[in-house]
């Protein structure tokens, strides 16, 4: 998934930045969601973590399977 779509789903760089404790400038410069923020960004945006970072979560169960 494109980082612009992820940021947009989070309400834009400013809103997403406040939600994850980063500056809007740093969020706007992301090429990908930082690994330590993937789960948090997934919860904020509603985008499954597997779509945010398929390289990280490719071989793990989906969120719905996690119990």
C-alpha atoms as a PDB file:
ATOM      1  CA  UNK A   1       0.000   0.000   0.000  1.00  0.00           C
ATOM      2  CA  UNK A   2       1.215   3.485  -0.843  1.00  0.00           C
ATOM      3  CA  UNK A   3       2.412   5.576   2.113  1.00  0.00           C
ATOM      4  CA  UNK A   4       0.329   8.534   0.903  1.00  0.00           C
ATOM      5  CA  UNK A   5      -2.812   6.402   1.198  1.00  0.00           C
ATOM      6  CA  UNK A   6      -1.836   5.313   4.702  1.00  0.00           C
ATOM      7  CA  UNK A   7      -1.219   8.901   5.841  1.00  0.00           C
ATOM      8  CA  UNK A   8      -4.471  10.010   4.257  1.00  0.00           C
ATOM      9  CA  UNK A   9      -6.373   7.224   6.049  1.00  0.00           C
ATOM     10  CA  UNK A  10      -4.879   8.521   9.288  1.00  0.00           C
ATOM     11  CA  UNK A  11      -6.396  11.947   8.667  1.00  0.00           C
ATOM     12  CA  UNK A  12      -3.314  13.528   7.143  1.00  0.00           C
ATOM     13  CA  UNK A  13       0.246  14.015   8.338  1.00  0.00           C
ATOM     14  CA  UNK A  14      -0.634  16.353  11.227  1.00  0.00           C
ATOM     15  CA  UNK A  15      -3.391  14.215  12.707  1.00  0.00           C
ATOM     16  CA  UNK A  16      -1.471  10.959  12.292  1.00  0.00           C
ATOM     17  CA  UNK A  17       1.656  12.558  13.755  1.00  0.00           C
ATOM     18  CA  UNK A  18      -0.218  13.630  16.895  1.00  0.00           C
ATOM     19  CA  UNK A  19      -1.674  10.134  17.252  1.00  0.00           C
ATOM     20  CA  UNK A  20       1.720   8.405  17.074  1.00  0.00           C
ATOM     21  CA  UNK A  21       3.787  11.021  18.910  1.00  0.00           C
ATOM     22  CA  UNK A  22       5.811  12.240  15.952  1.00  0.00           C
ATOM     23  CA  UNK A  23       6.074  15.585  14.172  1.00  0.00           C
ATOM     24  CA  UNK A  24       4.030  16.212  11.028  1.00  0.00           C
ATOM     25  CA  UNK A  25       7.283  16.842   9.154  1.00  0.00           C
ATOM     26  CA  UNK A  26       8.658  13.422  10.081  1.00  0.00           C
ATOM     27  CA  UNK A  27       5.419  11.667   9.086  1.00  0.00           C
ATOM     28  CA  UNK A  28       5.353  13.551   5.778  1.00  0.00           C
ATOM     29  CA  UNK A  29       8.859  12.268   5.044  1.00  0.00           C
ATOM     30  CA  UNK A  30       8.076   8.589   5.660  1.00  0.00           C
ATOM     31  CA  UNK A  31       8.863   6.276   2.776  1.00  0.00           C
ATOM     32  CA  UNK A  32       7.267   3.493   4.852  1.00  0.00           C
ATOM     33  CA  UNK A  33       5.740   3.284   8.304  1.00  0.00           C
ATOM     34  CA  UNK A  34       8.479   2.786  10.908  1.00  0.00           C
ATOM     35  CA  UNK A  35       8.469  -0.781  12.168  1.00  0.00           C
ATOM     36  CA  UNK A  36       7.766   0.234  15.763  1.00  0.00           C
ATOM     37  CA  UNK A  37       4.634   2.126  14.673  1.00  0.00           C
ATOM     38  CA  UNK A  38       3.047  -0.385  12.271  1.00  0.00           C
ATOM     39  CA  UNK A  39       0.559  -1.875  14.735  1.00  0.00           C
ATOM     40  CA  UNK A  40      -0.402   1.547  16.117  1.00  0.00           C
ATOM     41  CA  UNK A  41      -0.881   2.993  12.621  1.00  0.00           C
ATOM     42  CA  UNK A  42      -2.971  -0.043  11.661  1.00  0.00           C
ATOM     43  CA  UNK A  43      -5.302   0.595  14.614  1.00  0.00           C
ATOM     44  CA  UNK A  44      -5.565   4.305  13.839  1.00  0.00           C
ATOM     45  CA  UNK A  45      -6.180   3.932  10.116  1.00  0.00           C
ATOM     46  CA  UNK A  46      -8.142   0.687  10.058  1.00  0.00           C
ATOM     47  CA  UNK A  47      -5.724  -0.642   7.449  1.00  0.00           C
ATOM     48  CA  UNK A  48      -4.557  -4.186   8.231  1.00  0.00           C
ATOM     49  CA  UNK A  49      -0.919  -4.358   9.277  1.00  0.00           C
ATOM     50  CA  UNK A  50      -0.341  -6.902   6.507  1.00  0.00           C
ATOM     51  CA  UNK A  51      -1.181  -4.198   3.952  1.00  0.00           C
ATOM     52  CA  UNK A  52       0.920  -1.546   5.688  1.00  0.00           C
ATOM     53  CA  UNK A  53       4.008  -3.756   5.863  1.00  0.00           C
ATOM     54  CA  UNK A  54       3.568  -6.968   3.871  1.00  0.00           C
ATOM     55  CA  UNK A  55       7.309  -7.651   4.087  1.00  0.00           C
ATOM     56  CA  UNK A  56       7.094  -7.756   7.894  1.00  0.00           C
ATOM     57  CA  UNK A  57       3.802  -9.621   8.314  1.00  0.00           C
ATOM     58  CA  UNK A  58       3.724 -11.830   5.208  1.00  0.00           C
ATOM     59  CA  UNK A  59       4.169 -15.136   7.054  1.00  0.00           C
ATOM     60  CA  UNK A  60       2.237 -14.296  10.226  1.00  0.00           C
ATOM     61  CA  UNK A  61      -1.456 -14.920  10.914  1.00  0.00           C
ATOM     62  CA  UNK A  62      -3.773 -12.070  10.001  1.00  0.00           C
ATOM     63  CA  UNK A  63      -5.096  -9.759  12.725  1.00  0.00           C
ATOM     64  CA  UNK A  64      -8.431 -11.568  12.739  1.00  0.00           C
ATOM     65  CA  UNK A  65      -6.676 -14.857  13.463  1.00  0.00           C
ATOM     66  CA  UNK A  66      -4.709 -13.381  16.367  1.00  0.00           C
ATOM     67  CA  UNK A  67      -6.298 -14.239  19.671  1.00  0.00           C
END
